[in-house]
Amino acid sequence: MLKLNAFGVRNLRSLEDTGLIELKPITILVGKNSAGKSTFARILPLLKQSSERRKQGPLLWFGRLVDFGSFDEAVSSFAGNRLIDFQFQFKGSFTTFQGRRSPRSDALSPGEQGSVDVTLQLGAEGEDGRTVLRALALDIFGVKIKITGATSKEPQVDIDGQPVRMPSNGRAFLAQGAILPVLRLLFRGEAAVSTVSDAAFFSTPQMERLGLARVRAAIGAFVHGNTLTERKDEIARRLPVASPNVLLEYCRSLAGVPDTWRTNMAASTSQTPKVLELQRALVVFNLESLLAELDDAILSFSAGVSYLEPLRATAQRYYRREEVSIEELDPKGLNTTFFLQGLSIRERDELNGWLISTFGFSLSVRTVGGHSSLNIEIEAMGHSRNMADVGLGYSQLVPVAIQLWASMRRRPIRSPLLTRSAVSSSQRALAPIVVVEQPELHLHPAYQAKLADVFAACVAKRDVGDESSRRLPLRIVAETHSPNLINRLGELVGEGALSADDVQVIVFESEFPNPATSIRIAKFDDKGILQNWPIGFFEY
């Protein structure tokens, strides 16, 4: 199964080139104002809002979660080519090819799994400046594919710098997927074949796919010259797209193949030119399925994102009752009261137990007539009060706390968005990612430090026998200006309560008059001391 492992961007606002960034269980974003940290954080909700709706272009710059304006407002002022690149790196193996599976990725070593790198290059077109695809570059286990052409034009496909011949009896076009374009081929005469005719039921199935002649020739190099074309096609359907090492191992263990195939495979290595050509041919042959699965992996990744804005809504004294189902918090926390109303009694007790143990307060919703009020009971005070009557910091903290709890207890679920591929629901479980800007807003320094303890508890590994161990691991991305939060994370690492490998601090730096932002990644050592940290960062 493919999983999105890292992402990055080039020429998005002040971000010239972030490189590929892998999210740790805790990723902290810091930097001066307008340094680009919020832009980076909002890439995740941008992907989510873009994948939720059908659209003409790859991204929805303006939606229910974030507002980047338009392409012209999002592209960097220093980008001379007026292009924005989104980069994605995937780990694992492809899973869906004509109803059979490639080698299990969990049975392979990290070196054998390899990686798949994707660069989505966007530009603007027309008087309205709509966003269009300029190029899609793929590095699939070392095989380089480039697709150029907007979705309205016939694409040009190159493999390792050489053009791929399109079928003479077909036409290729690009359809817009969730984020990536999806390749489609139409062949002449397809519509004229009746699905209830004898020919449809009893004739030999026609392969009619991109790269068919090439994959037949590549397989023909390992079998006898008199091998039937149908036999080559049957072998092609059974072979996976994988790294040369994995492909060779799979070919050697393949059952029901000619003896010449076994002999030639046994005499080959992973760097034999014929093996490398077979790998390239299989990539082209399965390109339609590859693009669909890569797009589905991005969709699965982005569907697990929850986002909270830096300025959450202040508490109101009363809320007009709404009998609607609330599955996630609004980015501003506007629907916090209704989210709590939608919880079962058991869930509310579980939430309040967690809130008391971590923050020292509990929540309740009281309904009188057609109006509801959100009430908080602070452990030190001993009585309940309307949220509108306590400090502003609580109204900013409560949505963050609830979102962490809801995401932490999330079990593997199947998103209704993930319906296009044949990947099983267990494989498409949504790994939760909470993105929050300025979680420390209006909080006392002691509470800011307390957030670090809560973050560490949320991402802590569970015991195998614990029921919660079946829940998916939570990742937190927090943009902050709080030295107290960062210092406390270091203390937790030094105390052994948090692994140094589970936290990173991404520093966004810019120097006037250069508008471009540079990025450095700081990490804690085992003693909790930040490495690669800019001297005097929090000084003035």
Protein backbone atom coordinates (compact mmCIF):
# COMPACT_ATOMS: atom_id res chain seq x y z
CA MET A 1 0.00 0.00 0.00
CA LEU A 2 1.24 3.48 -0.85
CA LYS A 3 1.31 6.11 1.87
CA LEU A 4 2.17 9.77 1.53
CA ASN A 5 5.44 10.06 3.43
CA ALA A 6 6.53 13.66 2.82
CA PHE A 7 5.45 16.78 0.95
CA GLY A 8 6.83 20.17 -0.05
CA VAL A 9 6.21 23.19 -2.22
CA ARG A 10 8.06 25.62 -4.46
CA ASN A 11 7.07 29.23 -5.25
CA LEU A 12 4.07 29.42 -2.94
CA ARG A 13 3.95 32.94 -1.49
CA SER A 14 7.23 33.42 0.40
CA LEU A 15 8.18 29.73 0.22
CA GLU A 16 10.79 29.43 -2.51
CA ASP A 17 11.59 25.75 -1.97
CA THR A 18 10.77 23.87 1.22
CA GLY A 19 12.17 20.58 0.03
CA LEU A 20 10.40 17.40 1.09
CA ILE A 21 9.21 17.61 4.70
CA GLU A 22 8.24 14.45 6.56
CA LEU A 23 5.75 15.04 9.34
CA LYS A 24 6.83 13.74 12.75
CA PRO A 25 4.29 12.91 15.46
CA ILE A 26 4.87 16.49 16.66
CA THR A 27 5.95 19.15 14.13
CA ILE A 28 6.35 22.69 15.44
CA LEU A 29 6.52 25.64 13.03
CA VAL A 30 8.26 28.82 14.17
CA GLY A 31 9.43 32.02 12.53
CA LYS A 32 8.95 35.76 12.38
CA ASN A 33 5.73 37.28 11.09
CA SER A 34 5.20 36.78 7.34
CA ALA A 35 8.03 34.23 7.21
CA GLY A 36 5.81 31.57 5.63
CA LYS A 37 5.04 29.24 8.53
CA SER A 38 1.27 29.73 8.24
CA THR A 39 1.48 29.24 4.48
CA PHE A 40 3.19 25.91 5.04
CA ALA A 41 0.70 24.81 7.70
CA ARG A 42 -2.24 25.68 5.45
CA ILE A 43 -1.02 23.43 2.64
CA LEU A 44 -2.65 20.53 4.49
CA PRO A 45 -6.17 22.05 4.76
CA LEU A 46 -5.71 23.36 1.20
CA LEU A 47 -5.30 19.76 0.01
CA LYS A 48 -8.28 18.67 2.07
CA GLN A 49 -10.72 21.32 0.81
CA SER A 50 -9.48 20.71 -2.76
CA SER A 51 -10.07 16.96 -2.57
CA GLU A 52 -13.58 17.25 -1.13
CA ARG A 53 -15.26 18.70 -4.21
CA ARG A 54 -15.37 18.22 -7.95
CA LYS A 55 -13.55 21.02 -9.71
CA GLN A 56 -12.05 22.08 -13.01
CA GLY A 57 -8.49 22.52 -11.77
CA PRO A 58 -6.24 20.68 -9.30
CA LEU A 59 -6.76 23.04 -6.33
CA LEU A 60 -9.43 25.16 -4.73
CA TRP A 61 -7.47 28.16 -3.53
CA PHE A 62 -10.54 29.46 -1.66
CA GLY A 63 -12.78 27.12 0.31
CA ARG A 64 -14.31 26.28 3.67
CA LEU A 65 -10.95 25.85 5.42
CA VAL A 66 -8.39 28.31 4.01
CA ASP A 67 -8.23 31.21 1.58
CA PHE A 68 -5.19 31.62 -0.66
CA GLY A 69 -7.11 33.95 -2.98
CA SER A 70 -6.23 32.84 -6.50
CA PHE A 71 -3.23 31.45 -8.34
CA ASP A 72 -1.92 34.95 -9.05
CA GLU A 73 -2.14 35.80 -5.36
CA ALA A 74 -0.60 32.49 -4.26
CA VAL A 75 2.40 32.35 -6.64
CA SER A 76 5.62 33.87 -5.31
CA SER A 77 6.49 37.36 -6.52
CA PHE A 78 10.07 36.17 -7.16
CA ALA A 79 8.99 33.19 -9.30
CA GLY A 80 10.07 34.26 -12.76
CA ASN A 81 8.38 31.29 -14.45
CA ARG A 82 5.05 31.96 -12.64
CA LEU A 83 4.74 28.28 -11.71
CA ILE A 84 3.95 26.58 -8.39
CA ASP A 85 5.24 23.07 -7.70
CA PHE A 86 3.67 20.73 -5.14
CA GLN A 87 5.90 17.80 -4.27
CA PHE A 88 4.81 14.48 -2.79
CA GLN A 89 6.83 11.44 -1.76
CA PHE A 90 5.21 8.05 -1.25
CA LYS A 91 6.52 4.91 0.45
CA GLY A 92 5.32 1.33 0.05
CA SER A 93 4.09 -0.61 -2.95
CA PHE A 94 1.19 -0.34 -5.36
CA THR A 95 -1.76 -2.57 -4.51
CA THR A 96 -4.38 -2.53 -7.24
CA PHE A 97 -3.71 -3.99 -10.67
CA GLN A 98 -6.52 -5.86 -12.37
CA GLY A 99 -7.71 -7.39 -9.12
CA ARG A 100 -4.38 -8.83 -7.91
CA ARG A 101 -1.83 -7.58 -5.46
CA SER A 102 1.84 -6.78 -5.75
CA PRO A 103 4.30 -7.94 -3.05
CA ARG A 104 3.24 -6.85 0.42
CA SER A 105 5.08 -3.70 1.44
CA ASP A 106 5.24 -4.75 5.10
CA ALA A 107 7.21 -7.85 4.10
CA LEU A 108 9.90 -5.78 2.40
CA SER A 109 12.81 -3.94 3.90
CA PRO A 110 12.80 -0.12 3.55
CA GLY A 111 15.51 -0.38 0.89
CA GLU A 112 13.42 -2.81 -1.14
CA GLN A 113 10.26 -0.74 -0.92
CA GLY A 114 11.77 2.26 -2.66
CA SER A 115 9.91 5.51 -3.05
CA VAL A 116 7.66 7.24 -5.53
CA ASP A 117 8.16 10.99 -6.01
CA VAL A 118 5.53 13.19 -7.65
CA THR A 119 5.79 16.84 -8.65
CA LEU A 120 2.58 18.62 -9.64
CA GLN A 121 3.42 21.80 -11.53
CA LEU A 122 0.66 24.40 -11.81
CA GLY A 123 0.28 27.58 -13.82
CA ALA A 124 -2.41 30.07 -14.82
CA GLU A 125 -4.25 30.27 -18.12
CA GLY A 126 -6.82 32.54 -19.75
CA GLU A 127 -8.07 35.98 -18.90
CA ASP A 128 -9.57 34.73 -15.65
CA GLY A 129 -6.23 33.27 -14.55
CA ARG A 130 -7.67 29.83 -13.79
CA THR A 131 -5.27 27.23 -12.43
CA VAL A 132 -4.16 24.57 -14.91
CA LEU A 133 -1.74 21.67 -14.97
CA ARG A 134 1.56 22.47 -16.68
CA ALA A 135 3.40 19.22 -16.00
CA LEU A 136 3.29 16.14 -13.82
CA ALA A 137 6.66 14.54 -13.08
CA LEU A 138 6.81 11.04 -11.59
CA ASP A 139 9.79 9.08 -10.31
CA ILE A 140 8.38 5.56 -9.85
CA PHE A 141 11.03 3.38 -8.24
CA GLY A 142 13.66 5.04 -10.40
CA VAL A 143 11.63 5.22 -13.63
CA LYS A 144 11.01 8.84 -14.60
CA ILE A 145 7.69 9.78 -16.23
CA LYS A 146 6.70 13.27 -17.34
CA ILE A 147 3.21 14.23 -18.49
CA THR A 148 2.64 17.65 -20.02
CA GLY A 149 -0.47 19.39 -21.28
CA ALA A 150 -3.52 20.90 -19.63
CA THR A 151 -6.52 18.70 -18.95
CA SER A 152 -8.27 20.10 -22.03
CA LYS A 153 -5.47 19.01 -24.37
CA GLU A 154 -4.08 15.65 -25.47
CA PRO A 155 -1.15 14.94 -23.13
CA GLN A 156 2.44 14.19 -24.04
CA VAL A 157 3.92 11.32 -22.03
CA ASP A 158 7.71 10.81 -21.77
CA ILE A 159 9.56 8.00 -20.02
CA ASP A 160 13.22 8.53 -19.11
CA GLY A 161 13.30 11.41 -21.61
CA GLN A 162 11.80 9.45 -24.53
CA PRO A 163 8.24 10.01 -25.81
CA VAL A 164 5.71 7.22 -25.32
CA ARG A 165 3.86 6.22 -28.47
CA MET A 166 0.11 6.54 -28.16
CA PRO A 167 -2.06 3.72 -29.58
CA SER A 168 -2.97 4.38 -33.20
CA ASN A 169 -6.58 3.41 -32.56
CA GLY A 170 -7.05 5.46 -29.41
CA ARG A 171 -6.91 8.90 -27.90
CA ALA A 172 -5.48 9.90 -24.51
CA PHE A 173 -6.76 12.70 -22.30
CA LEU A 174 -6.38 13.85 -18.70
CA ALA A 175 -9.31 13.97 -16.30
CA GLN A 176 -9.13 15.85 -13.01
CA GLY A 177 -8.88 13.60 -9.98
CA ALA A 178 -9.00 14.64 -6.35
CA ILE A 179 -5.65 16.43 -6.69
CA LEU A 180 -3.65 14.73 -9.44
CA PRO A 181 -4.73 14.37 -13.06
CA VAL A 182 -5.88 10.90 -14.06
CA LEU A 183 -4.98 9.48 -17.48
CA ARG A 184 -7.77 8.08 -19.61
CA LEU A 185 -7.61 6.31 -22.99
CA LEU A 186 -10.50 5.95 -25.42
CA PHE A 187 -10.30 3.40 -28.21
CA ARG A 188 -12.27 3.43 -31.43
CA GLY A 189 -15.08 0.91 -31.58
CA GLU A 190 -15.44 0.45 -27.82
CA ALA A 191 -18.90 1.96 -27.76
CA ALA A 192 -20.07 -0.23 -30.65
CA VAL A 193 -19.44 -3.52 -28.79
CA SER A 194 -22.61 -4.79 -27.13
CA THR A 195 -22.19 -6.03 -23.57
CA VAL A 196 -24.77 -8.80 -24.13
CA SER A 197 -23.48 -10.18 -27.43
CA ASP A 198 -21.76 -13.55 -27.86
CA ALA A 199 -18.60 -11.64 -28.83
CA ALA A 200 -18.57 -9.82 -25.53
CA PHE A 201 -18.86 -13.07 -23.54
CA PHE A 202 -16.78 -15.56 -25.52
CA SER A 203 -14.15 -13.64 -27.49
CA THR A 204 -10.59 -13.20 -26.23
CA PRO A 205 -10.41 -10.09 -24.00
CA GLN A 206 -8.67 -7.19 -25.69
CA MET A 207 -5.91 -5.53 -23.66
CA GLU A 208 -6.01 -2.16 -25.46
CA ARG A 209 -3.85 -0.25 -23.02
CA LEU A 210 -1.07 2.28 -23.19
CA GLY A 211 2.31 0.63 -23.75
CA LEU A 212 0.83 -2.72 -24.75
CA ALA A 213 3.30 -3.35 -27.58
CA ARG A 214 6.21 -2.36 -25.36
CA VAL A 215 5.32 -4.68 -22.50
CA ARG A 216 4.79 -7.57 -24.91
CA ALA A 217 8.24 -6.98 -26.35
CA ALA A 218 9.79 -6.75 -22.86
CA ILE A 219 8.20 -10.04 -21.80
CA GLY A 220 9.13 -11.59 -25.13
CA ALA A 221 12.79 -11.10 -24.26
CA PHE A 222 12.42 -13.72 -21.49
CA VAL A 223 10.28 -16.36 -23.27
CA HIS A 224 10.52 -18.45 -26.41
CA GLY A 225 9.95 -16.62 -29.69
CA ASN A 226 6.90 -18.75 -30.44
CA THR A 227 5.09 -17.82 -27.24
CA LEU A 228 1.53 -16.73 -27.99
CA THR A 229 0.61 -13.09 -27.61
CA GLU A 230 -2.22 -14.07 -25.27
CA ARG A 231 0.30 -15.78 -22.98
CA LYS A 232 2.45 -12.65 -22.85
CA ASP A 233 -0.61 -10.57 -22.02
CA GLU A 234 -1.52 -12.98 -19.21
CA ILE A 235 1.98 -12.62 -17.72
CA ALA A 236 1.82 -8.83 -18.06
CA ARG A 237 -1.39 -8.71 -16.01
CA ARG A 238 0.30 -10.63 -13.18
CA LEU A 239 3.45 -8.53 -12.85
CA PRO A 240 3.70 -5.68 -10.32
CA VAL A 241 5.15 -2.22 -10.63
CA ALA A 242 8.07 -2.29 -8.21
CA SER A 243 11.76 -1.60 -7.77
CA PRO A 244 14.10 -3.76 -9.92
CA ASN A 245 15.03 -5.97 -6.93
CA VAL A 246 11.42 -6.68 -5.96
CA LEU A 247 10.33 -7.15 -9.57
CA LEU A 248 13.10 -9.70 -10.24
CA GLU A 249 12.26 -11.63 -7.07
CA TYR A 250 8.59 -11.66 -8.03
CA CYS A 251 9.33 -12.81 -11.59
CA ARG A 252 11.47 -15.68 -10.32
CA SER A 253 8.69 -16.92 -8.03
CA LEU A 254 5.90 -16.56 -10.59
CA ALA A 255 3.95 -19.79 -11.09
CA GLY A 256 2.59 -21.15 -14.36
CA VAL A 257 5.19 -19.54 -16.65
CA PRO A 258 7.28 -21.08 -19.46
CA ASP A 259 10.57 -22.78 -18.58
CA THR A 260 12.47 -20.24 -20.69
CA TRP A 261 11.10 -17.51 -18.42
CA ARG A 262 12.45 -19.24 -15.31
CA THR A 263 15.84 -19.89 -16.93
CA ASN A 264 16.30 -16.32 -18.17
CA MET A 265 15.15 -14.79 -14.88
CA ALA A 266 17.54 -16.99 -12.89
CA ALA A 267 20.42 -15.76 -15.06
CA SER A 268 19.45 -12.08 -14.68
CA THR A 269 20.25 -9.49 -12.04
CA SER A 270 18.32 -6.41 -10.99
CA GLN A 271 20.59 -4.31 -13.23
CA THR A 272 20.27 -6.47 -16.32
CA PRO A 273 19.10 -4.17 -19.16
CA LYS A 274 16.24 -6.52 -20.03
CA VAL A 275 14.97 -6.42 -16.43
CA LEU A 276 15.17 -2.62 -16.36
CA GLU A 277 13.30 -2.43 -19.66
CA LEU A 278 10.62 -4.75 -18.27
CA GLN A 279 10.27 -2.43 -15.28
CA ARG A 280 9.89 0.62 -17.55
CA ALA A 281 7.39 -1.20 -19.77
CA LEU A 282 5.28 -2.19 -16.76
CA VAL A 283 5.20 1.42 -15.54
CA VAL A 284 3.84 2.63 -18.89
CA PHE A 285 1.48 -0.34 -19.15
CA ASN A 286 -0.03 0.39 -15.71
CA LEU A 287 0.17 4.19 -15.87
CA GLU A 288 -3.58 4.71 -15.72
CA SER A 289 -3.85 2.63 -12.53
CA LEU A 290 -0.72 4.20 -11.05
CA LEU A 291 -2.05 7.74 -11.34
CA ALA A 292 -5.41 6.73 -9.85
CA GLU A 293 -3.75 5.07 -6.86
CA LEU A 294 -1.36 7.97 -6.26
CA ASP A 295 -4.30 10.36 -6.33
CA ASP A 296 -6.19 8.11 -3.93
CA ALA A 297 -3.21 8.09 -1.54
CA ILE A 298 -3.20 11.91 -1.44
CA LEU A 299 -6.96 11.88 -0.90
CA SER A 300 -6.62 9.44 1.99
CA PHE A 301 -3.86 11.56 3.54
CA SER A 302 -5.72 14.87 3.24
CA ALA A 303 -9.07 13.46 4.40
CA GLY A 304 -7.56 12.85 7.83
CA VAL A 305 -6.59 16.51 8.31
CA SER A 306 -8.33 18.67 10.93
CA TYR A 307 -7.55 22.39 10.98
CA LEU A 308 -8.02 25.17 13.54
CA GLU A 309 -7.42 28.82 12.72
CA PRO A 310 -5.21 31.11 14.85
CA LEU A 311 -8.18 33.22 16.00
CA ARG A 312 -10.85 30.88 17.33
CA ALA A 313 -14.35 32.16 17.97
CA THR A 314 -15.08 33.77 21.32
CA ALA A 315 -17.75 32.10 23.42
CA GLN A 316 -21.34 33.32 23.10
CA ARG A 317 -23.71 33.36 26.07
CA TYR A 318 -26.40 31.45 24.18
CA TYR A 319 -26.59 29.48 20.93
CA ARG A 320 -29.67 28.83 18.85
CA ARG A 321 -30.25 25.09 19.03
CA GLU A 322 -29.46 23.17 15.82
CA GLU A 323 -30.33 19.48 15.52
CA VAL A 324 -27.64 18.63 13.00
CA SER A 325 -24.93 16.00 13.00
CA ILE A 326 -21.47 17.46 13.57
CA GLU A 327 -18.56 15.20 12.59
CA GLU A 328 -15.72 17.70 12.97
CA LEU A 329 -15.06 21.10 14.43
CA ASP A 330 -15.28 24.22 12.32
CA PRO A 331 -11.83 25.86 11.78
CA LYS A 332 -12.93 28.70 14.05
CA GLY A 333 -14.56 26.43 16.61
CA LEU A 334 -17.96 28.01 15.91
CA ASN A 335 -19.78 24.68 16.24
CA THR A 336 -18.12 23.53 19.48
CA THR A 337 -21.41 23.56 21.40
CA PHE A 338 -23.21 21.53 18.74
CA PHE A 339 -20.30 19.09 18.49
CA LEU A 340 -20.61 18.41 22.22
CA GLN A 341 -24.38 17.98 21.91
CA GLY A 342 -23.82 15.33 19.26
CA LEU A 343 -21.70 13.16 21.57
CA SER A 344 -23.20 10.24 23.42
CA ILE A 345 -23.28 10.30 27.24
CA ARG A 346 -20.38 7.86 27.30
CA GLU A 347 -18.37 10.00 24.91
CA ARG A 348 -19.01 13.16 26.94
CA ASP A 349 -17.88 11.39 30.12
CA GLU A 350 -14.76 10.17 28.35
CA LEU A 351 -14.04 13.67 27.02
CA ASN A 352 -14.54 15.32 30.39
CA GLY A 353 -12.39 12.74 32.13
CA TRP A 354 -9.60 13.53 29.69
CA LEU A 355 -10.08 17.31 30.02
CA ILE A 356 -9.93 17.15 33.81
CA SER A 357 -6.80 15.01 33.80
CA THR A 358 -4.99 17.23 31.30
CA PHE A 359 -6.31 20.80 31.68
CA GLY A 360 -8.23 20.74 34.94
CA PHE A 361 -11.70 21.62 33.63
CA SER A 362 -14.79 19.93 32.23
CA LEU A 363 -17.53 21.05 29.83
CA SER A 364 -21.30 20.76 29.68
CA VAL A 365 -24.11 22.00 27.46
CA ARG A 366 -27.38 23.22 28.98
CA THR A 367 -30.46 23.63 26.83
CA VAL A 368 -33.46 25.73 27.82
CA GLY A 369 -36.22 26.16 25.28
CA GLY A 370 -34.60 26.67 21.90
CA HIS A 371 -31.27 27.94 23.21
CA SER A 372 -28.13 26.22 24.48
CA SER A 373 -25.25 27.46 26.57
CA LEU A 374 -21.71 26.15 26.83
CA ASN A 375 -20.55 25.88 30.43
CA ILE A 376 -17.15 25.19 31.95
CA GLU A 377 -16.32 23.89 35.40
CA ILE A 378 -12.77 24.70 36.41
CA GLU A 379 -11.51 22.20 38.97
CA ALA A 380 -9.97 24.89 41.18
CA MET A 381 -13.22 26.91 41.27
CA GLY A 382 -15.57 24.04 42.09
CA HIS A 383 -18.63 25.38 40.26
CA SER A 384 -19.87 25.71 36.67
CA ARG A 385 -19.95 29.01 34.76
CA ASN A 386 -21.00 30.12 31.32
CA MET A 387 -18.03 30.15 28.94
CA ALA A 388 -18.79 33.78 28.16
CA ASP A 389 -17.98 34.68 31.78
CA VAL A 390 -14.49 33.19 32.00
CA GLY A 391 -11.21 34.32 30.49
CA LEU A 392 -10.79 34.61 26.73
CA GLY A 393 -8.00 32.04 26.86
CA TYR A 394 -10.46 29.24 27.63
CA SER A 395 -12.52 29.98 24.52
CA GLN A 396 -9.32 29.68 22.48
CA LEU A 397 -8.15 26.52 24.25
CA VAL A 398 -11.39 24.52 24.27
CA PRO A 399 -11.58 23.89 20.47
CA VAL A 400 -7.93 22.79 20.48
CA ALA A 401 -8.50 20.40 23.38
CA ILE A 402 -11.66 18.91 21.85
CA GLN A 403 -10.04 18.47 18.44
CA LEU A 404 -7.04 16.68 19.95
CA TRP A 405 -9.31 14.35 21.91
CA ALA A 406 -11.56 13.62 18.92
CA SER A 407 -8.61 12.92 16.63
CA MET A 408 -6.72 10.86 19.22
CA ARG A 409 -9.62 8.47 19.70
CA ARG A 410 -10.38 8.16 16.00
CA ARG A 411 -10.47 4.57 14.85
CA PRO A 412 -9.75 3.36 11.31
CA ILE A 413 -12.73 4.50 9.27
CA ARG A 414 -13.55 4.56 5.61
CA SER A 415 -14.03 8.00 4.18
CA PRO A 416 -16.97 8.40 1.77
CA LEU A 417 -14.55 10.29 -0.46
CA LEU A 418 -12.41 7.20 -1.01
CA THR A 419 -14.55 5.32 -3.51
CA ARG A 420 -12.64 5.21 -6.74
CA SER A 421 -10.04 2.45 -6.32
CA ALA A 422 -10.27 -1.14 -5.16
CA VAL A 423 -8.12 -0.54 -2.08
CA SER A 424 -9.74 -2.10 0.98
CA SER A 425 -11.29 0.10 3.64
CA SER A 426 -8.73 -1.03 6.22
CA GLN A 427 -5.93 0.15 3.97
CA ARG A 428 -7.61 3.49 3.36
CA ALA A 429 -8.06 4.32 7.03
CA LEU A 430 -7.62 7.99 7.71
CA ALA A 431 -4.51 8.73 9.77
CA PRO A 432 -5.48 11.82 11.80
CA ILE A 433 -3.42 15.02 11.50
CA VAL A 434 -4.33 18.04 13.63
CA VAL A 435 -3.10 21.36 12.24
CA VAL A 436 -3.49 24.25 14.68
CA GLU A 437 -2.16 27.78 14.49
CA GLN A 438 -1.16 29.50 17.72
CA PRO A 439 -2.64 27.00 20.18
CA GLU A 440 -1.14 29.14 22.97
CA LEU A 441 -3.21 32.23 22.10
CA HIS A 442 -4.32 34.14 25.24
CA LEU A 443 -2.90 31.44 27.53
CA HIS A 444 -0.77 31.94 30.62
CA PRO A 445 2.87 30.76 30.14
CA ALA A 446 2.21 27.80 32.46
CA TYR A 447 -0.70 26.68 30.25
CA GLN A 448 1.47 27.16 27.16
CA ALA A 449 4.00 24.75 28.63
CA LYS A 450 1.13 22.42 29.57
CA LEU A 451 0.26 22.12 25.88
CA ALA A 452 3.58 20.35 25.32
CA ASP A 453 2.61 17.71 27.91
CA VAL A 454 -0.75 17.27 26.20
CA PHE A 455 0.86 16.95 22.76
CA ALA A 456 3.28 14.33 24.09
CA ALA A 457 0.45 12.36 25.69
CA CYS A 458 -1.59 12.46 22.48
CA VAL A 459 1.18 10.97 20.32
CA ALA A 460 2.47 8.49 22.92
CA LYS A 461 2.69 4.89 21.73
CA ARG A 462 0.17 2.55 23.35
CA ASP A 463 0.81 -0.91 24.76
CA VAL A 464 -0.04 -3.71 22.36
CA GLY A 465 -2.72 -5.05 24.68
CA ASP A 466 -4.34 -1.65 25.12
CA GLU A 467 -7.61 -1.23 23.21
CA SER A 468 -6.48 2.26 22.16
CA SER A 469 -3.46 0.73 20.40
CA ARG A 470 -5.78 -0.19 17.53
CA ARG A 471 -6.42 3.48 16.92
CA LEU A 472 -4.37 5.24 14.31
CA PRO A 473 -1.38 7.31 15.48
CA LEU A 474 -2.02 11.04 15.73
CA ARG A 475 0.26 13.67 14.22
CA ILE A 476 0.21 17.29 15.36
CA VAL A 477 1.35 20.31 13.34
CA ALA A 478 1.41 23.46 15.48
CA GLU A 479 2.44 26.96 14.39
CA THR A 480 3.53 28.91 17.45
CA HIS A 481 5.36 31.90 18.88
CA SER A 482 5.66 30.34 22.34
CA PRO A 483 9.15 29.61 23.72
CA ASN A 484 7.43 28.02 26.72
CA LEU A 485 5.86 25.30 24.58
CA ILE A 486 9.15 24.56 22.80
CA ASN A 487 11.24 24.59 25.97
CA ARG A 488 8.83 22.21 27.67
CA LEU A 489 9.05 19.80 24.72
CA GLY A 490 12.81 19.78 25.24
CA GLU A 491 12.34 19.05 28.95
CA LEU A 492 10.04 16.12 28.11
CA VAL A 493 12.65 14.71 25.74
CA GLY A 494 15.33 15.10 28.39
CA GLU A 495 13.11 13.36 30.96
CA GLY A 496 12.46 10.46 28.60
CA ALA A 497 8.72 11.17 28.41
CA LEU A 498 9.01 11.99 24.70
CA SER A 499 11.30 10.47 22.10
CA ALA A 500 13.66 12.86 20.34
CA ASP A 501 12.71 11.16 17.06
CA ASP A 502 9.04 12.08 17.54
CA VAL A 503 9.42 15.87 17.48
CA GLN A 504 10.92 18.42 15.10
CA VAL A 505 10.95 22.21 14.97
CA ILE A 506 10.86 23.76 11.49
CA VAL A 507 12.33 27.27 11.51
CA PHE A 508 11.22 29.70 8.78
CA GLU A 509 13.77 32.45 8.19
CA SER A 510 13.69 35.49 5.92
CA GLU A 511 15.98 38.50 5.72
CA PHE A 512 15.01 41.87 4.26
CA PRO A 513 15.11 42.73 1.37
CA ASN A 514 15.09 39.10 0.12
CA PRO A 515 11.42 38.03 0.08
CA ALA A 516 12.22 34.31 -0.13
CA THR A 517 12.06 32.17 3.00
CA SER A 518 14.66 29.59 3.87
CA ILE A 519 13.90 26.58 6.07
CA ARG A 520 15.97 24.76 8.62
CA ILE A 521 14.92 21.76 10.68
CA ALA A 522 15.93 21.74 14.34
CA LYS A 523 15.74 18.57 16.43
CA PHE A 524 16.27 17.74 20.07
CA ASP A 525 19.11 15.49 21.14
CA ASP A 526 18.53 12.85 23.82
CA LYS A 527 19.20 15.46 26.52
CA GLY A 528 16.47 17.74 25.18
CA ILE A 529 18.81 20.34 23.69
CA LEU A 530 17.84 21.77 20.30
CA GLN A 531 20.32 21.15 17.51
CA ASN A 532 20.59 23.40 14.44
CA TRP A 533 18.72 26.13 16.31
CA PRO A 534 19.38 29.78 15.32
CA ILE A 535 21.19 31.66 18.08
CA GLY A 536 19.07 34.33 19.77
CA PHE A 537 15.90 33.31 17.91
CA PHE A 538 13.55 34.43 20.72
CA GLU A 539 15.59 37.48 21.67
CA TYR A 540 14.67 41.04 20.66
